[in-house]
C-alpha atoms as a PDB file:
ATOM      1  CA  MET A   1      51.291  21.591  49.455  1.00  0.00           C
ATOM      2  CA  ARG A   2      50.234  25.036  50.543  1.00  0.00           C
ATOM      3  CA  PRO A   3      47.032  26.481  48.914  1.00  0.00           C
ATOM      4  CA  LYS A   4      47.393  29.527  46.740  1.00  0.00           C
ATOM      5  CA  SER A   5      46.124  32.660  48.450  1.00  0.00           C
ATOM      6  CA  GLU A   6      44.567  35.684  46.846  1.00  0.00           C
ATOM      7  CA  ASN A   7      47.369  37.878  48.135  1.00  0.00           C
ATOM      8  CA  SER A   8      50.021  36.017  46.179  1.00  0.00           C
ATOM      9  CA  ALA A   9      47.939  36.302  42.991  1.00  0.00           C
ATOM     10  CA  ALA A  10      47.343  39.973  43.692  1.00  0.00           C
ATOM     11  CA  GLY A  11      51.052  40.457  44.289  1.00  0.00           C
ATOM     12  CA  ALA A  12      51.873  38.835  40.961  1.00  0.00           C
ATOM     13  CA  GLY A  13      49.254  41.012  39.254  1.00  0.00           C
ATOM     14  CA  ALA A  14      50.643  44.085  40.949  1.00  0.00           C
ATOM     15  CA  GLY A  15      54.126  43.194  39.723  1.00  0.00           C
ATOM     16  CA  ALA A  16      52.847  42.894  36.165  1.00  0.00           C
ATOM     17  CA  ALA A  17      50.988  46.188  36.530  1.00  0.00           C
ATOM     18  CA  THR A  18      54.175  47.811  37.821  1.00  0.00           C
ATOM     19  CA  ALA A  19      56.091  46.481  34.827  1.00  0.00           C
ATOM     20  CA  THR A  20      53.556  47.918  32.410  1.00  0.00           C
ATOM     21  CA  THR A  21      53.446  51.265  34.188  1.00  0.00           C
ATOM     22  CA  ALA A  22      57.239  51.375  34.266  1.00  0.00           C
ATOM     23  CA  SER A  23      57.187  51.866  30.514  1.00  0.00           C
ATOM     24  CA  ASP A  24      54.716  54.719  31.008  1.00  0.00           C
ATOM     25  CA  LEU A  25      57.021  56.488  33.454  1.00  0.00           C
ATOM     26  CA  HIS A  26      58.561  58.388  30.564  1.00  0.00           C
ATOM     27  CA  SER A  27      55.554  60.705  30.366  1.00  0.00           C
ATOM     28  CA  PHE A  28      56.288  64.419  30.592  1.00  0.00           C
ATOM     29  CA  ASP A  29      53.101  65.170  32.499  1.00  0.00           C
ATOM     30  CA  PRO A  30      53.527  64.574  36.247  1.00  0.00           C
ATOM     31  CA  ILE A  31      49.797  64.902  36.921  1.00  0.00           C
ATOM     32  CA  PHE A  32      49.027  62.185  34.369  1.00  0.00           C
ATOM     33  CA  LEU A  33      51.682  60.008  35.975  1.00  0.00           C
ATOM     34  CA  LEU A  34      50.218  60.635  39.427  1.00  0.00           C
ATOM     35  CA  LEU A  35      46.667  59.866  38.281  1.00  0.00           C
ATOM     36  CA  ARG A  36      47.802  56.732  36.477  1.00  0.00           C
ATOM     37  CA  ILE A  37      49.727  55.189  39.364  1.00  0.00           C
ATOM     38  CA  LEU A  38      48.282  56.532  42.632  1.00  0.00           C
ATOM     39  CA  PRO A  39      44.718  55.112  42.661  1.00  0.00           C
ATOM     40  CA  TYR A  40      45.831  51.664  41.526  1.00  0.00           C
ATOM     41  CA  SER A  41      48.521  51.378  44.161  1.00  0.00           C
ATOM     42  CA  PHE A  42      45.969  50.798  46.922  1.00  0.00           C
ATOM     43  CA  LEU A  43      42.630  50.159  45.146  1.00  0.00           C
ATOM     44  CA  ARG A  44      41.685  46.711  43.923  1.00  0.00           C
ATOM     45  CA  PRO A  45      38.624  45.898  41.833  1.00  0.00           C
ATOM     46  CA  PRO A  46      36.043  43.836  43.706  1.00  0.00           C
ATOM     47  CA  ARG A  47      35.577  40.191  42.825  1.00  0.00           C
ATOM     48  CA  THR A  48      31.945  40.116  41.796  1.00  0.00           C
ATOM     49  CA  ARG A  49      30.107  37.196  40.391  1.00  0.00           C
ATOM     50  CA  LEU A  50      27.121  38.793  38.740  1.00  0.00           C
ATOM     51  CA  ARG A  51      24.715  36.584  36.884  1.00  0.00           C
ATOM     52  CA  LEU A  52      21.529  37.392  35.042  1.00  0.00           C
ATOM     53  CA  PRO A  53      18.414  35.792  36.489  1.00  0.00           C
ATOM     54  CA  SER A  54      17.217  32.821  34.496  1.00  0.00           C
ATOM     55  CA  SER A  55      13.939  34.587  33.666  1.00  0.00           C
ATOM     56  CA  VAL A  56      15.772  37.455  31.910  1.00  0.00           C
ATOM     57  CA  THR A  57      16.800  36.860  28.318  1.00  0.00           C
ATOM     58  CA  LEU A  58      19.032  39.101  26.301  1.00  0.00           C
ATOM     59  CA  PRO A  59      17.428  40.876  23.346  1.00  0.00           C
ATOM     60  CA  SER A  60      18.324  39.797  19.854  1.00  0.00           C
ATOM     61  CA  PRO A  61      21.008  41.755  17.985  1.00  0.00           C
ATOM     62  CA  MET A  62      18.392  43.052  15.533  1.00  0.00           C
ATOM     63  CA  THR A  63      16.304  44.434  18.413  1.00  0.00           C
ATOM     64  CA  VAL A  64      19.328  46.246  19.819  1.00  0.00           C
ATOM     65  CA  PHE A  65      20.211  47.573  16.365  1.00  0.00           C
ATOM     66  CA  SER A  66      16.637  48.818  15.860  1.00  0.00           C
ATOM     67  CA  LEU A  67      16.645  50.609  19.209  1.00  0.00           C
ATOM     68  CA  VAL A  68      20.031  52.202  18.486  1.00  0.00           C
ATOM     69  CA  LEU A  69      18.875  53.281  15.013  1.00  0.00           C
ATOM     70  CA  LEU A  70      15.647  54.730  16.419  1.00  0.00           C
ATOM     71  CA  THR A  71      17.602  56.611  19.086  1.00  0.00           C
ATOM     72  CA  TYR A  72      20.014  57.926  16.450  1.00  0.00           C
ATOM     73  CA  PHE A  73      17.065  59.114  14.339  1.00  0.00           C
ATOM     74  CA  ALA A  74      15.524  60.882  17.336  1.00  0.00           C
ATOM     75  CA  VAL A  75      18.800  62.608  18.212  1.00  0.00           C
ATOM     76  CA  VAL A  76      19.737  63.801  14.722  1.00  0.00           C
ATOM     77  CA  SER A  77      16.147  64.869  14.005  1.00  0.00           C
ATOM     78  CA  GLY A  78      16.272  67.331  16.865  1.00  0.00           C
ATOM     79  CA  LEU A  79      13.565  65.660  18.916  1.00  0.00           C
ATOM     80  CA  VAL A  80      14.876  67.189  22.145  1.00  0.00           C
ATOM     81  CA  TYR A  81      14.847  70.647  20.515  1.00  0.00           C
ATOM     82  CA  ASP A  82      11.296  70.050  19.288  1.00  0.00           C
ATOM     83  CA  ILE A  83      10.130  69.054  22.763  1.00  0.00           C
ATOM     84  CA  ILE A  84      11.789  71.994  24.519  1.00  0.00           C
ATOM     85  CA  VAL A  85      11.131  74.814  22.029  1.00  0.00           C
ATOM     86  CA  GLU A  86       7.857  73.475  20.554  1.00  0.00           C
ATOM     87  CA  PRO A  87       8.280  74.930  17.055  1.00  0.00           C
ATOM     88  CA  PRO A  88       5.419  74.716  14.550  1.00  0.00           C
ATOM     89  CA  GLY A  89       5.257  71.647  12.343  1.00  0.00           C
ATOM     90  CA  ILE A  90       5.451  73.701   9.170  1.00  0.00           C
ATOM     91  CA  GLY A  91       5.772  77.399   8.423  1.00  0.00           C
ATOM     92  CA  SER A  92       4.154  79.716   5.927  1.00  0.00           C
ATOM     93  CA  THR A  93       5.160  82.729   3.887  1.00  0.00           C
ATOM     94  CA  GLN A  94       3.192  85.231   1.879  1.00  0.00           C
ATOM     95  CA  ASP A  95       3.872  85.634  -1.817  1.00  0.00           C
ATOM     96  CA  PRO A  96       4.712  89.338  -2.373  1.00  0.00           C
ATOM     97  CA  VAL A  97       3.231  89.417  -5.890  1.00  0.00           C
ATOM     98  CA  LYS A  98      -0.094  87.598  -5.513  1.00  0.00           C
ATOM     99  CA  GLY A  99      -0.506  87.779  -1.752  1.00  0.00           C
ATOM    100  CA  THR A 100      -1.196  84.064  -1.387  1.00  0.00           C
ATOM    101  CA  VAL A 101       0.115  82.133   1.586  1.00  0.00           C
ATOM    102  CA  ARG A 102       2.481  79.272   0.737  1.00  0.00           C
ATOM    103  CA  PRO A 103       3.684  76.536   3.095  1.00  0.00           C
ATOM    104  CA  VAL A 104       7.399  76.518   3.975  1.00  0.00           C
ATOM    105  CA  VAL A 105       9.115  73.374   5.237  1.00  0.00           C
ATOM    106  CA  PHE A 106      12.569  74.845   5.956  1.00  0.00           C
ATOM    107  CA  LEU A 107      13.210  77.816   8.206  1.00  0.00           C
ATOM    108  CA  PRO A 108      15.559  79.796   5.938  1.00  0.00           C
ATOM    109  CA  GLY A 109      18.440  81.831   7.298  1.00  0.00           C
ATOM    110  CA  ARG A 110      18.375  80.387  10.829  1.00  0.00           C
ATOM    111  CA  VAL A 111      20.846  77.605  11.437  1.00  0.00           C
ATOM    112  CA  ASN A 112      19.861  77.205  15.084  1.00  0.00           C
ATOM    113  CA  GLY A 113      16.110  76.914  14.421  1.00  0.00           C
ATOM    114  CA  GLN A 114      13.926  74.395  12.619  1.00  0.00           C
ATOM    115  CA  TYR A 115      10.393  73.328  11.912  1.00  0.00           C
ATOM    116  CA  ILE A 116       9.387  69.833  13.003  1.00  0.00           C
ATOM    117  CA  ILE A 117       9.081  68.502   9.435  1.00  0.00           C
ATOM    118  CA  GLU A 118      12.513  69.923   8.598  1.00  0.00           C
ATOM    119  CA  GLY A 119      14.139  68.012  11.450  1.00  0.00           C
ATOM    120  CA  LEU A 120      12.348  64.775  10.628  1.00  0.00           C
ATOM    121  CA  SER A 121      13.264  64.921   6.938  1.00  0.00           C
ATOM    122  CA  SER A 122      16.906  65.729   7.713  1.00  0.00           C
ATOM    123  CA  GLY A 123      17.060  62.918  10.263  1.00  0.00           C
ATOM    124  CA  PHE A 124      15.566  60.504   7.740  1.00  0.00           C
ATOM    125  CA  MET A 125      18.241  61.440   5.208  1.00  0.00           C
ATOM    126  CA  PHE A 126      20.995  60.854   7.783  1.00  0.00           C
ATOM    127  CA  VAL A 127      19.533  57.453   8.646  1.00  0.00           C
ATOM    128  CA  LEU A 128      19.180  56.613   4.939  1.00  0.00           C
ATOM    129  CA  GLY A 129      22.864  57.401   4.383  1.00  0.00           C
ATOM    130  CA  GLY A 130      23.844  55.258   7.367  1.00  0.00           C
ATOM    131  CA  LEU A 131      21.732  52.364   6.139  1.00  0.00           C
ATOM    132  CA  GLY A 132      23.365  52.736   2.719  1.00  0.00           C
ATOM    133  CA  ILE A 133      26.786  52.315   4.313  1.00  0.00           C
ATOM    134  CA  ILE A 134      25.543  49.248   6.205  1.00  0.00           C
ATOM    135  CA  PHE A 135      24.237  47.719   2.961  1.00  0.00           C
ATOM    136  CA  LEU A 136      27.548  48.459   1.248  1.00  0.00           C
ATOM    137  CA  ASP A 137      29.254  46.575   4.061  1.00  0.00           C
ATOM    138  CA  LEU A 138      26.886  43.642   3.554  1.00  0.00           C
ATOM    139  CA  ALA A 139      27.615  43.706  -0.195  1.00  0.00           C
ATOM    140  CA  VAL A 140      31.249  42.690   0.274  1.00  0.00           C
ATOM    141  CA  ASP A 141      30.382  39.445   2.100  1.00  0.00           C
ATOM    142  CA  ARG A 142      31.678  36.574  -0.055  1.00  0.00           C
ATOM    143  CA  HIS A 143      29.313  34.033   1.529  1.00  0.00           C
ATOM    144  CA  ARG A 144      26.220  35.587  -0.084  1.00  0.00           C
ATOM    145  CA  ALA A 145      24.930  34.919  -3.561  1.00  0.00           C
ATOM    146  CA  ARG A 146      26.200  37.230  -6.288  1.00  0.00           C
ATOM    147  CA  SER A 147      22.731  38.608  -7.114  1.00  0.00           C
ATOM    148  CA  ILE A 148      22.101  39.510  -3.463  1.00  0.00           C
ATOM    149  CA  ARG A 149      25.491  41.211  -3.197  1.00  0.00           C
ATOM    150  CA  ILE A 150      24.750  43.234  -6.334  1.00  0.00           C
ATOM    151  CA  SER A 151      21.338  44.202  -4.936  1.00  0.00           C
ATOM    152  CA  PHE A 152      22.889  45.265  -1.635  1.00  0.00           C
ATOM    153  CA  ALA A 153      25.568  47.259  -3.451  1.00  0.00           C
ATOM    154  CA  LEU A 154      23.072  49.024  -5.716  1.00  0.00           C
ATOM    155  CA  PHE A 155      20.794  49.897  -2.828  1.00  0.00           C
ATOM    156  CA  GLY A 156      23.725  51.036  -0.687  1.00  0.00           C
ATOM    157  CA  ILE A 157      25.208  53.254  -3.399  1.00  0.00           C
ATOM    158  CA  SER A 158      21.838  54.752  -4.304  1.00  0.00           C
ATOM    159  CA  ALA A 159      20.947  55.376  -0.639  1.00  0.00           C
ATOM    160  CA  VAL A 160      24.252  57.126   0.064  1.00  0.00           C
ATOM    161  CA  VAL A 161      24.017  59.232  -3.113  1.00  0.00           C
ATOM    162  CA  ILE A 162      20.380  60.207  -2.482  1.00  0.00           C
ATOM    163  CA  ALA A 163      21.087  61.068   1.156  1.00  0.00           C
ATOM    164  CA  TYR A 164      24.114  63.163   0.192  1.00  0.00           C
ATOM    165  CA  LEU A 165      22.297  65.050  -2.562  1.00  0.00           C
ATOM    166  CA  MET A 166      19.226  65.688  -0.423  1.00  0.00           C
ATOM    167  CA  CYS A 167      21.289  66.896   2.555  1.00  0.00           C
ATOM    168  CA  THR A 168      23.176  69.223   0.215  1.00  0.00           C
ATOM    169  CA  LEU A 169      19.846  70.503  -1.124  1.00  0.00           C
ATOM    170  CA  PHE A 170      18.559  70.996   2.419  1.00  0.00           C
ATOM    171  CA  ILE A 171      21.634  73.061   3.291  1.00  0.00           C
ATOM    172  CA  ARG A 172      21.204  75.174   0.151  1.00  0.00           C
ATOM    173  CA  ILE A 173      17.595  75.861   1.081  1.00  0.00           C
ATOM    174  CA  LYS A 174      18.449  76.505   4.712  1.00  0.00           C
ATOM    175  CA  ILE A 175      21.407  78.815   4.048  1.00  0.00           C
ATOM    176  CA  PRO A 176      21.039  80.487   0.631  1.00  0.00           C
ATOM    177  CA  GLY A 177      24.380  81.149  -1.072  1.00  0.00           C
ATOM    178  CA  TYR A 178      26.392  78.884   1.257  1.00  0.00           C
ATOM    179  CA  LEU A 179      27.300  76.058  -1.146  1.00  0.00           C
ATOM    180  CA  GLY A 180      26.764  77.890  -4.398  1.00  0.00           C
END
């Protein structure tokens, strides 16, 4: 019996790919059709056998989740903006009646500017709302005890409500008269 060659397997795969792209031939865009068929008519993916070294272990799912959550917090807090622009941590304003200087956390009237504390507090509220949604998802798991599900649900609902109300308050402070 003759051994199976890679060309015959590639030919069978190419026939299946042609059958699937035949249903896509009804597209109205000729450029899309050209880009969908042309590169795959002569290019083949390489057959790689990549393996991780035995000394490298994959991180746990909780470690990956923590890194993703930390990265999300840094992005929504405006960390890149804070590094590039270097705004002050907190602002101040003078009271027109008494002349005393009061600290200001939010930079009012400027949507494209922020103090550092403003960005961190807004980012924390976004993360709190996201964690609330995660806890609400954990609350519907039937394999947990009823008391734990109720605790998860209460924390999730309260976290989402607090995050929503605080973000709404932040927007009202930031842009007076916008939501009122």
